[in-house]
Protein backbone atom coordinates (compact mmCIF):
# COMPACT_ATOMS: atom_id res chain seq x y z
CA MET A 1 -3.14 57.09 -1.66
CA LEU A 2 -6.57 56.26 -0.29
CA GLU A 3 -8.60 53.40 -1.67
CA ALA A 4 -12.32 53.70 -1.97
CA ILE A 5 -14.36 50.92 -0.39
CA TYR A 6 -17.82 50.40 -1.75
CA LEU A 7 -20.47 48.62 0.29
CA VAL A 8 -23.20 46.81 -1.57
CA LYS A 9 -26.41 45.51 -0.04
CA VAL A 10 -27.11 41.93 -1.15
CA GLU A 11 -30.55 40.41 -0.76
CA GLY A 12 -31.83 36.99 -1.67
CA THR A 13 -32.44 33.48 -0.45
CA LEU A 14 -29.68 31.37 0.99
CA ASP A 15 -29.41 29.35 -2.22
CA GLU A 16 -29.11 32.50 -4.31
CA LEU A 17 -26.41 33.91 -2.02
CA ARG A 18 -24.53 30.61 -2.08
CA GLU A 19 -24.69 30.65 -5.88
CA LEU A 20 -23.36 34.19 -5.94
CA PHE A 21 -20.47 33.77 -3.54
CA VAL A 22 -19.48 30.11 -3.17
CA GLU A 23 -19.90 29.02 -6.77
CA GLY A 24 -18.32 32.25 -7.94
CA ALA A 25 -15.33 31.64 -5.69
CA LYS A 26 -14.99 28.10 -7.05
CA ARG A 27 -15.06 29.35 -10.61
CA GLU A 28 -12.46 31.99 -9.80
CA ALA A 29 -10.21 29.38 -8.15
CA ARG A 30 -10.46 27.15 -11.23
CA LYS A 31 -9.51 30.06 -13.48
CA GLN A 32 -6.49 30.85 -11.31
CA ALA A 33 -5.38 27.20 -11.27
CA LYS A 34 -5.75 26.95 -15.03
CA LYS A 35 -3.82 30.16 -15.54
CA ALA A 36 -1.02 29.08 -13.19
CA GLY A 37 -0.61 25.45 -14.22
CA GLY A 38 -1.89 25.38 -17.74
CA GLU A 39 -4.48 22.78 -16.83
CA ILE A 40 -6.89 22.28 -13.98
CA VAL A 41 -5.21 20.21 -11.31
CA ALA A 42 -6.77 16.77 -11.26
CA THR A 43 -8.20 15.86 -7.90
CA GLY A 44 -8.14 12.35 -6.52
CA VAL A 45 -5.77 9.81 -5.11
CA LYS A 46 -3.48 7.78 -7.30
CA LYS A 47 -4.19 4.07 -6.94
CA THR A 48 -1.23 1.99 -5.91
CA ARG A 49 -0.80 -1.41 -7.45
CA LYS A 50 -1.31 -4.29 -5.04
CA VAL A 51 1.92 -6.22 -4.55
CA VAL A 52 1.56 -9.97 -4.94
CA LYS A 53 2.81 -11.87 -1.88
CA SER A 54 5.47 -14.52 -2.30
CA ALA A 55 4.86 -18.14 -1.28
CA TRP A 56 6.90 -17.59 1.91
CA GLN A 57 4.87 -14.53 2.90
CA LYS A 58 1.65 -16.48 2.35
CA TYR A 59 3.05 -19.36 4.43
CA ILE A 60 4.02 -17.26 7.45
CA GLY A 61 0.74 -15.34 7.24
CA LYS A 62 -1.31 -18.44 8.05
CA LYS A 63 -1.92 -18.85 11.77
CA SER A 64 -1.65 -22.67 11.53
CA ASN A 65 1.94 -22.45 10.24
CA GLN A 66 3.19 -20.09 12.93
CA ILE A 67 5.64 -21.72 15.35
CA ARG A 68 6.20 -19.75 18.54
CA VAL A 69 9.07 -19.82 21.07
CA LYS A 70 7.86 -21.66 24.18
CA SER A 71 10.18 -20.23 26.87
CA GLY A 72 12.91 -17.70 27.54
CA LYS A 73 13.03 -13.99 26.87
CA ARG A 74 11.66 -14.52 23.32
CA LYS A 75 8.62 -16.45 24.61
CA GLY A 76 5.58 -15.97 22.41
CA MET A 77 7.53 -14.60 19.44
CA LEU A 78 7.65 -16.39 16.11
CA ASP A 79 10.49 -18.90 15.69
CA LEU A 80 11.37 -18.04 12.11
CA ALA A 81 14.24 -20.55 11.92
CA LYS A 82 11.91 -23.47 12.70
CA MET A 83 9.27 -22.04 10.40
CA SER A 84 11.83 -21.79 7.60
CA ARG A 85 12.83 -25.44 7.99
CA ALA A 86 9.17 -26.51 8.07
CA TYR A 87 8.46 -24.42 4.96
CA LYS A 88 11.35 -26.01 3.07
CA ARG A 89 10.18 -29.50 4.06
CA ALA A 90 6.65 -28.65 2.90
CA GLN A 91 7.97 -27.38 -0.45
CA LYS A 92 10.00 -30.58 -0.96
CA ALA A 93 6.96 -32.72 -0.16
CA LYS A 94 4.85 -30.62 -2.50
CA GLY A 95 7.38 -31.14 -5.32
CA LYS A 96 7.46 -34.94 -4.89
CA ARG A 97 3.71 -35.26 -5.52
């Protein structure tokens, strides 16, 4: 079966054409989304809740508290064992005040 194709001449300013085609397409898309999902899909990004850092995470985050390995194959890396001992000492001293 052959389908008939009709050509229509459209005249107007750019704004008028945009209104005809772009806005019309947006409206049509909204109708389709509403029909398919029941509601218009909400656009936007869900906000994630900021996780509160623990005292240890705050401690190791400070540059002044970072103890680095001085030599060997781990040179320049953080020495977490020494940092842990220093943190525990600092917490004890903080508690005695």
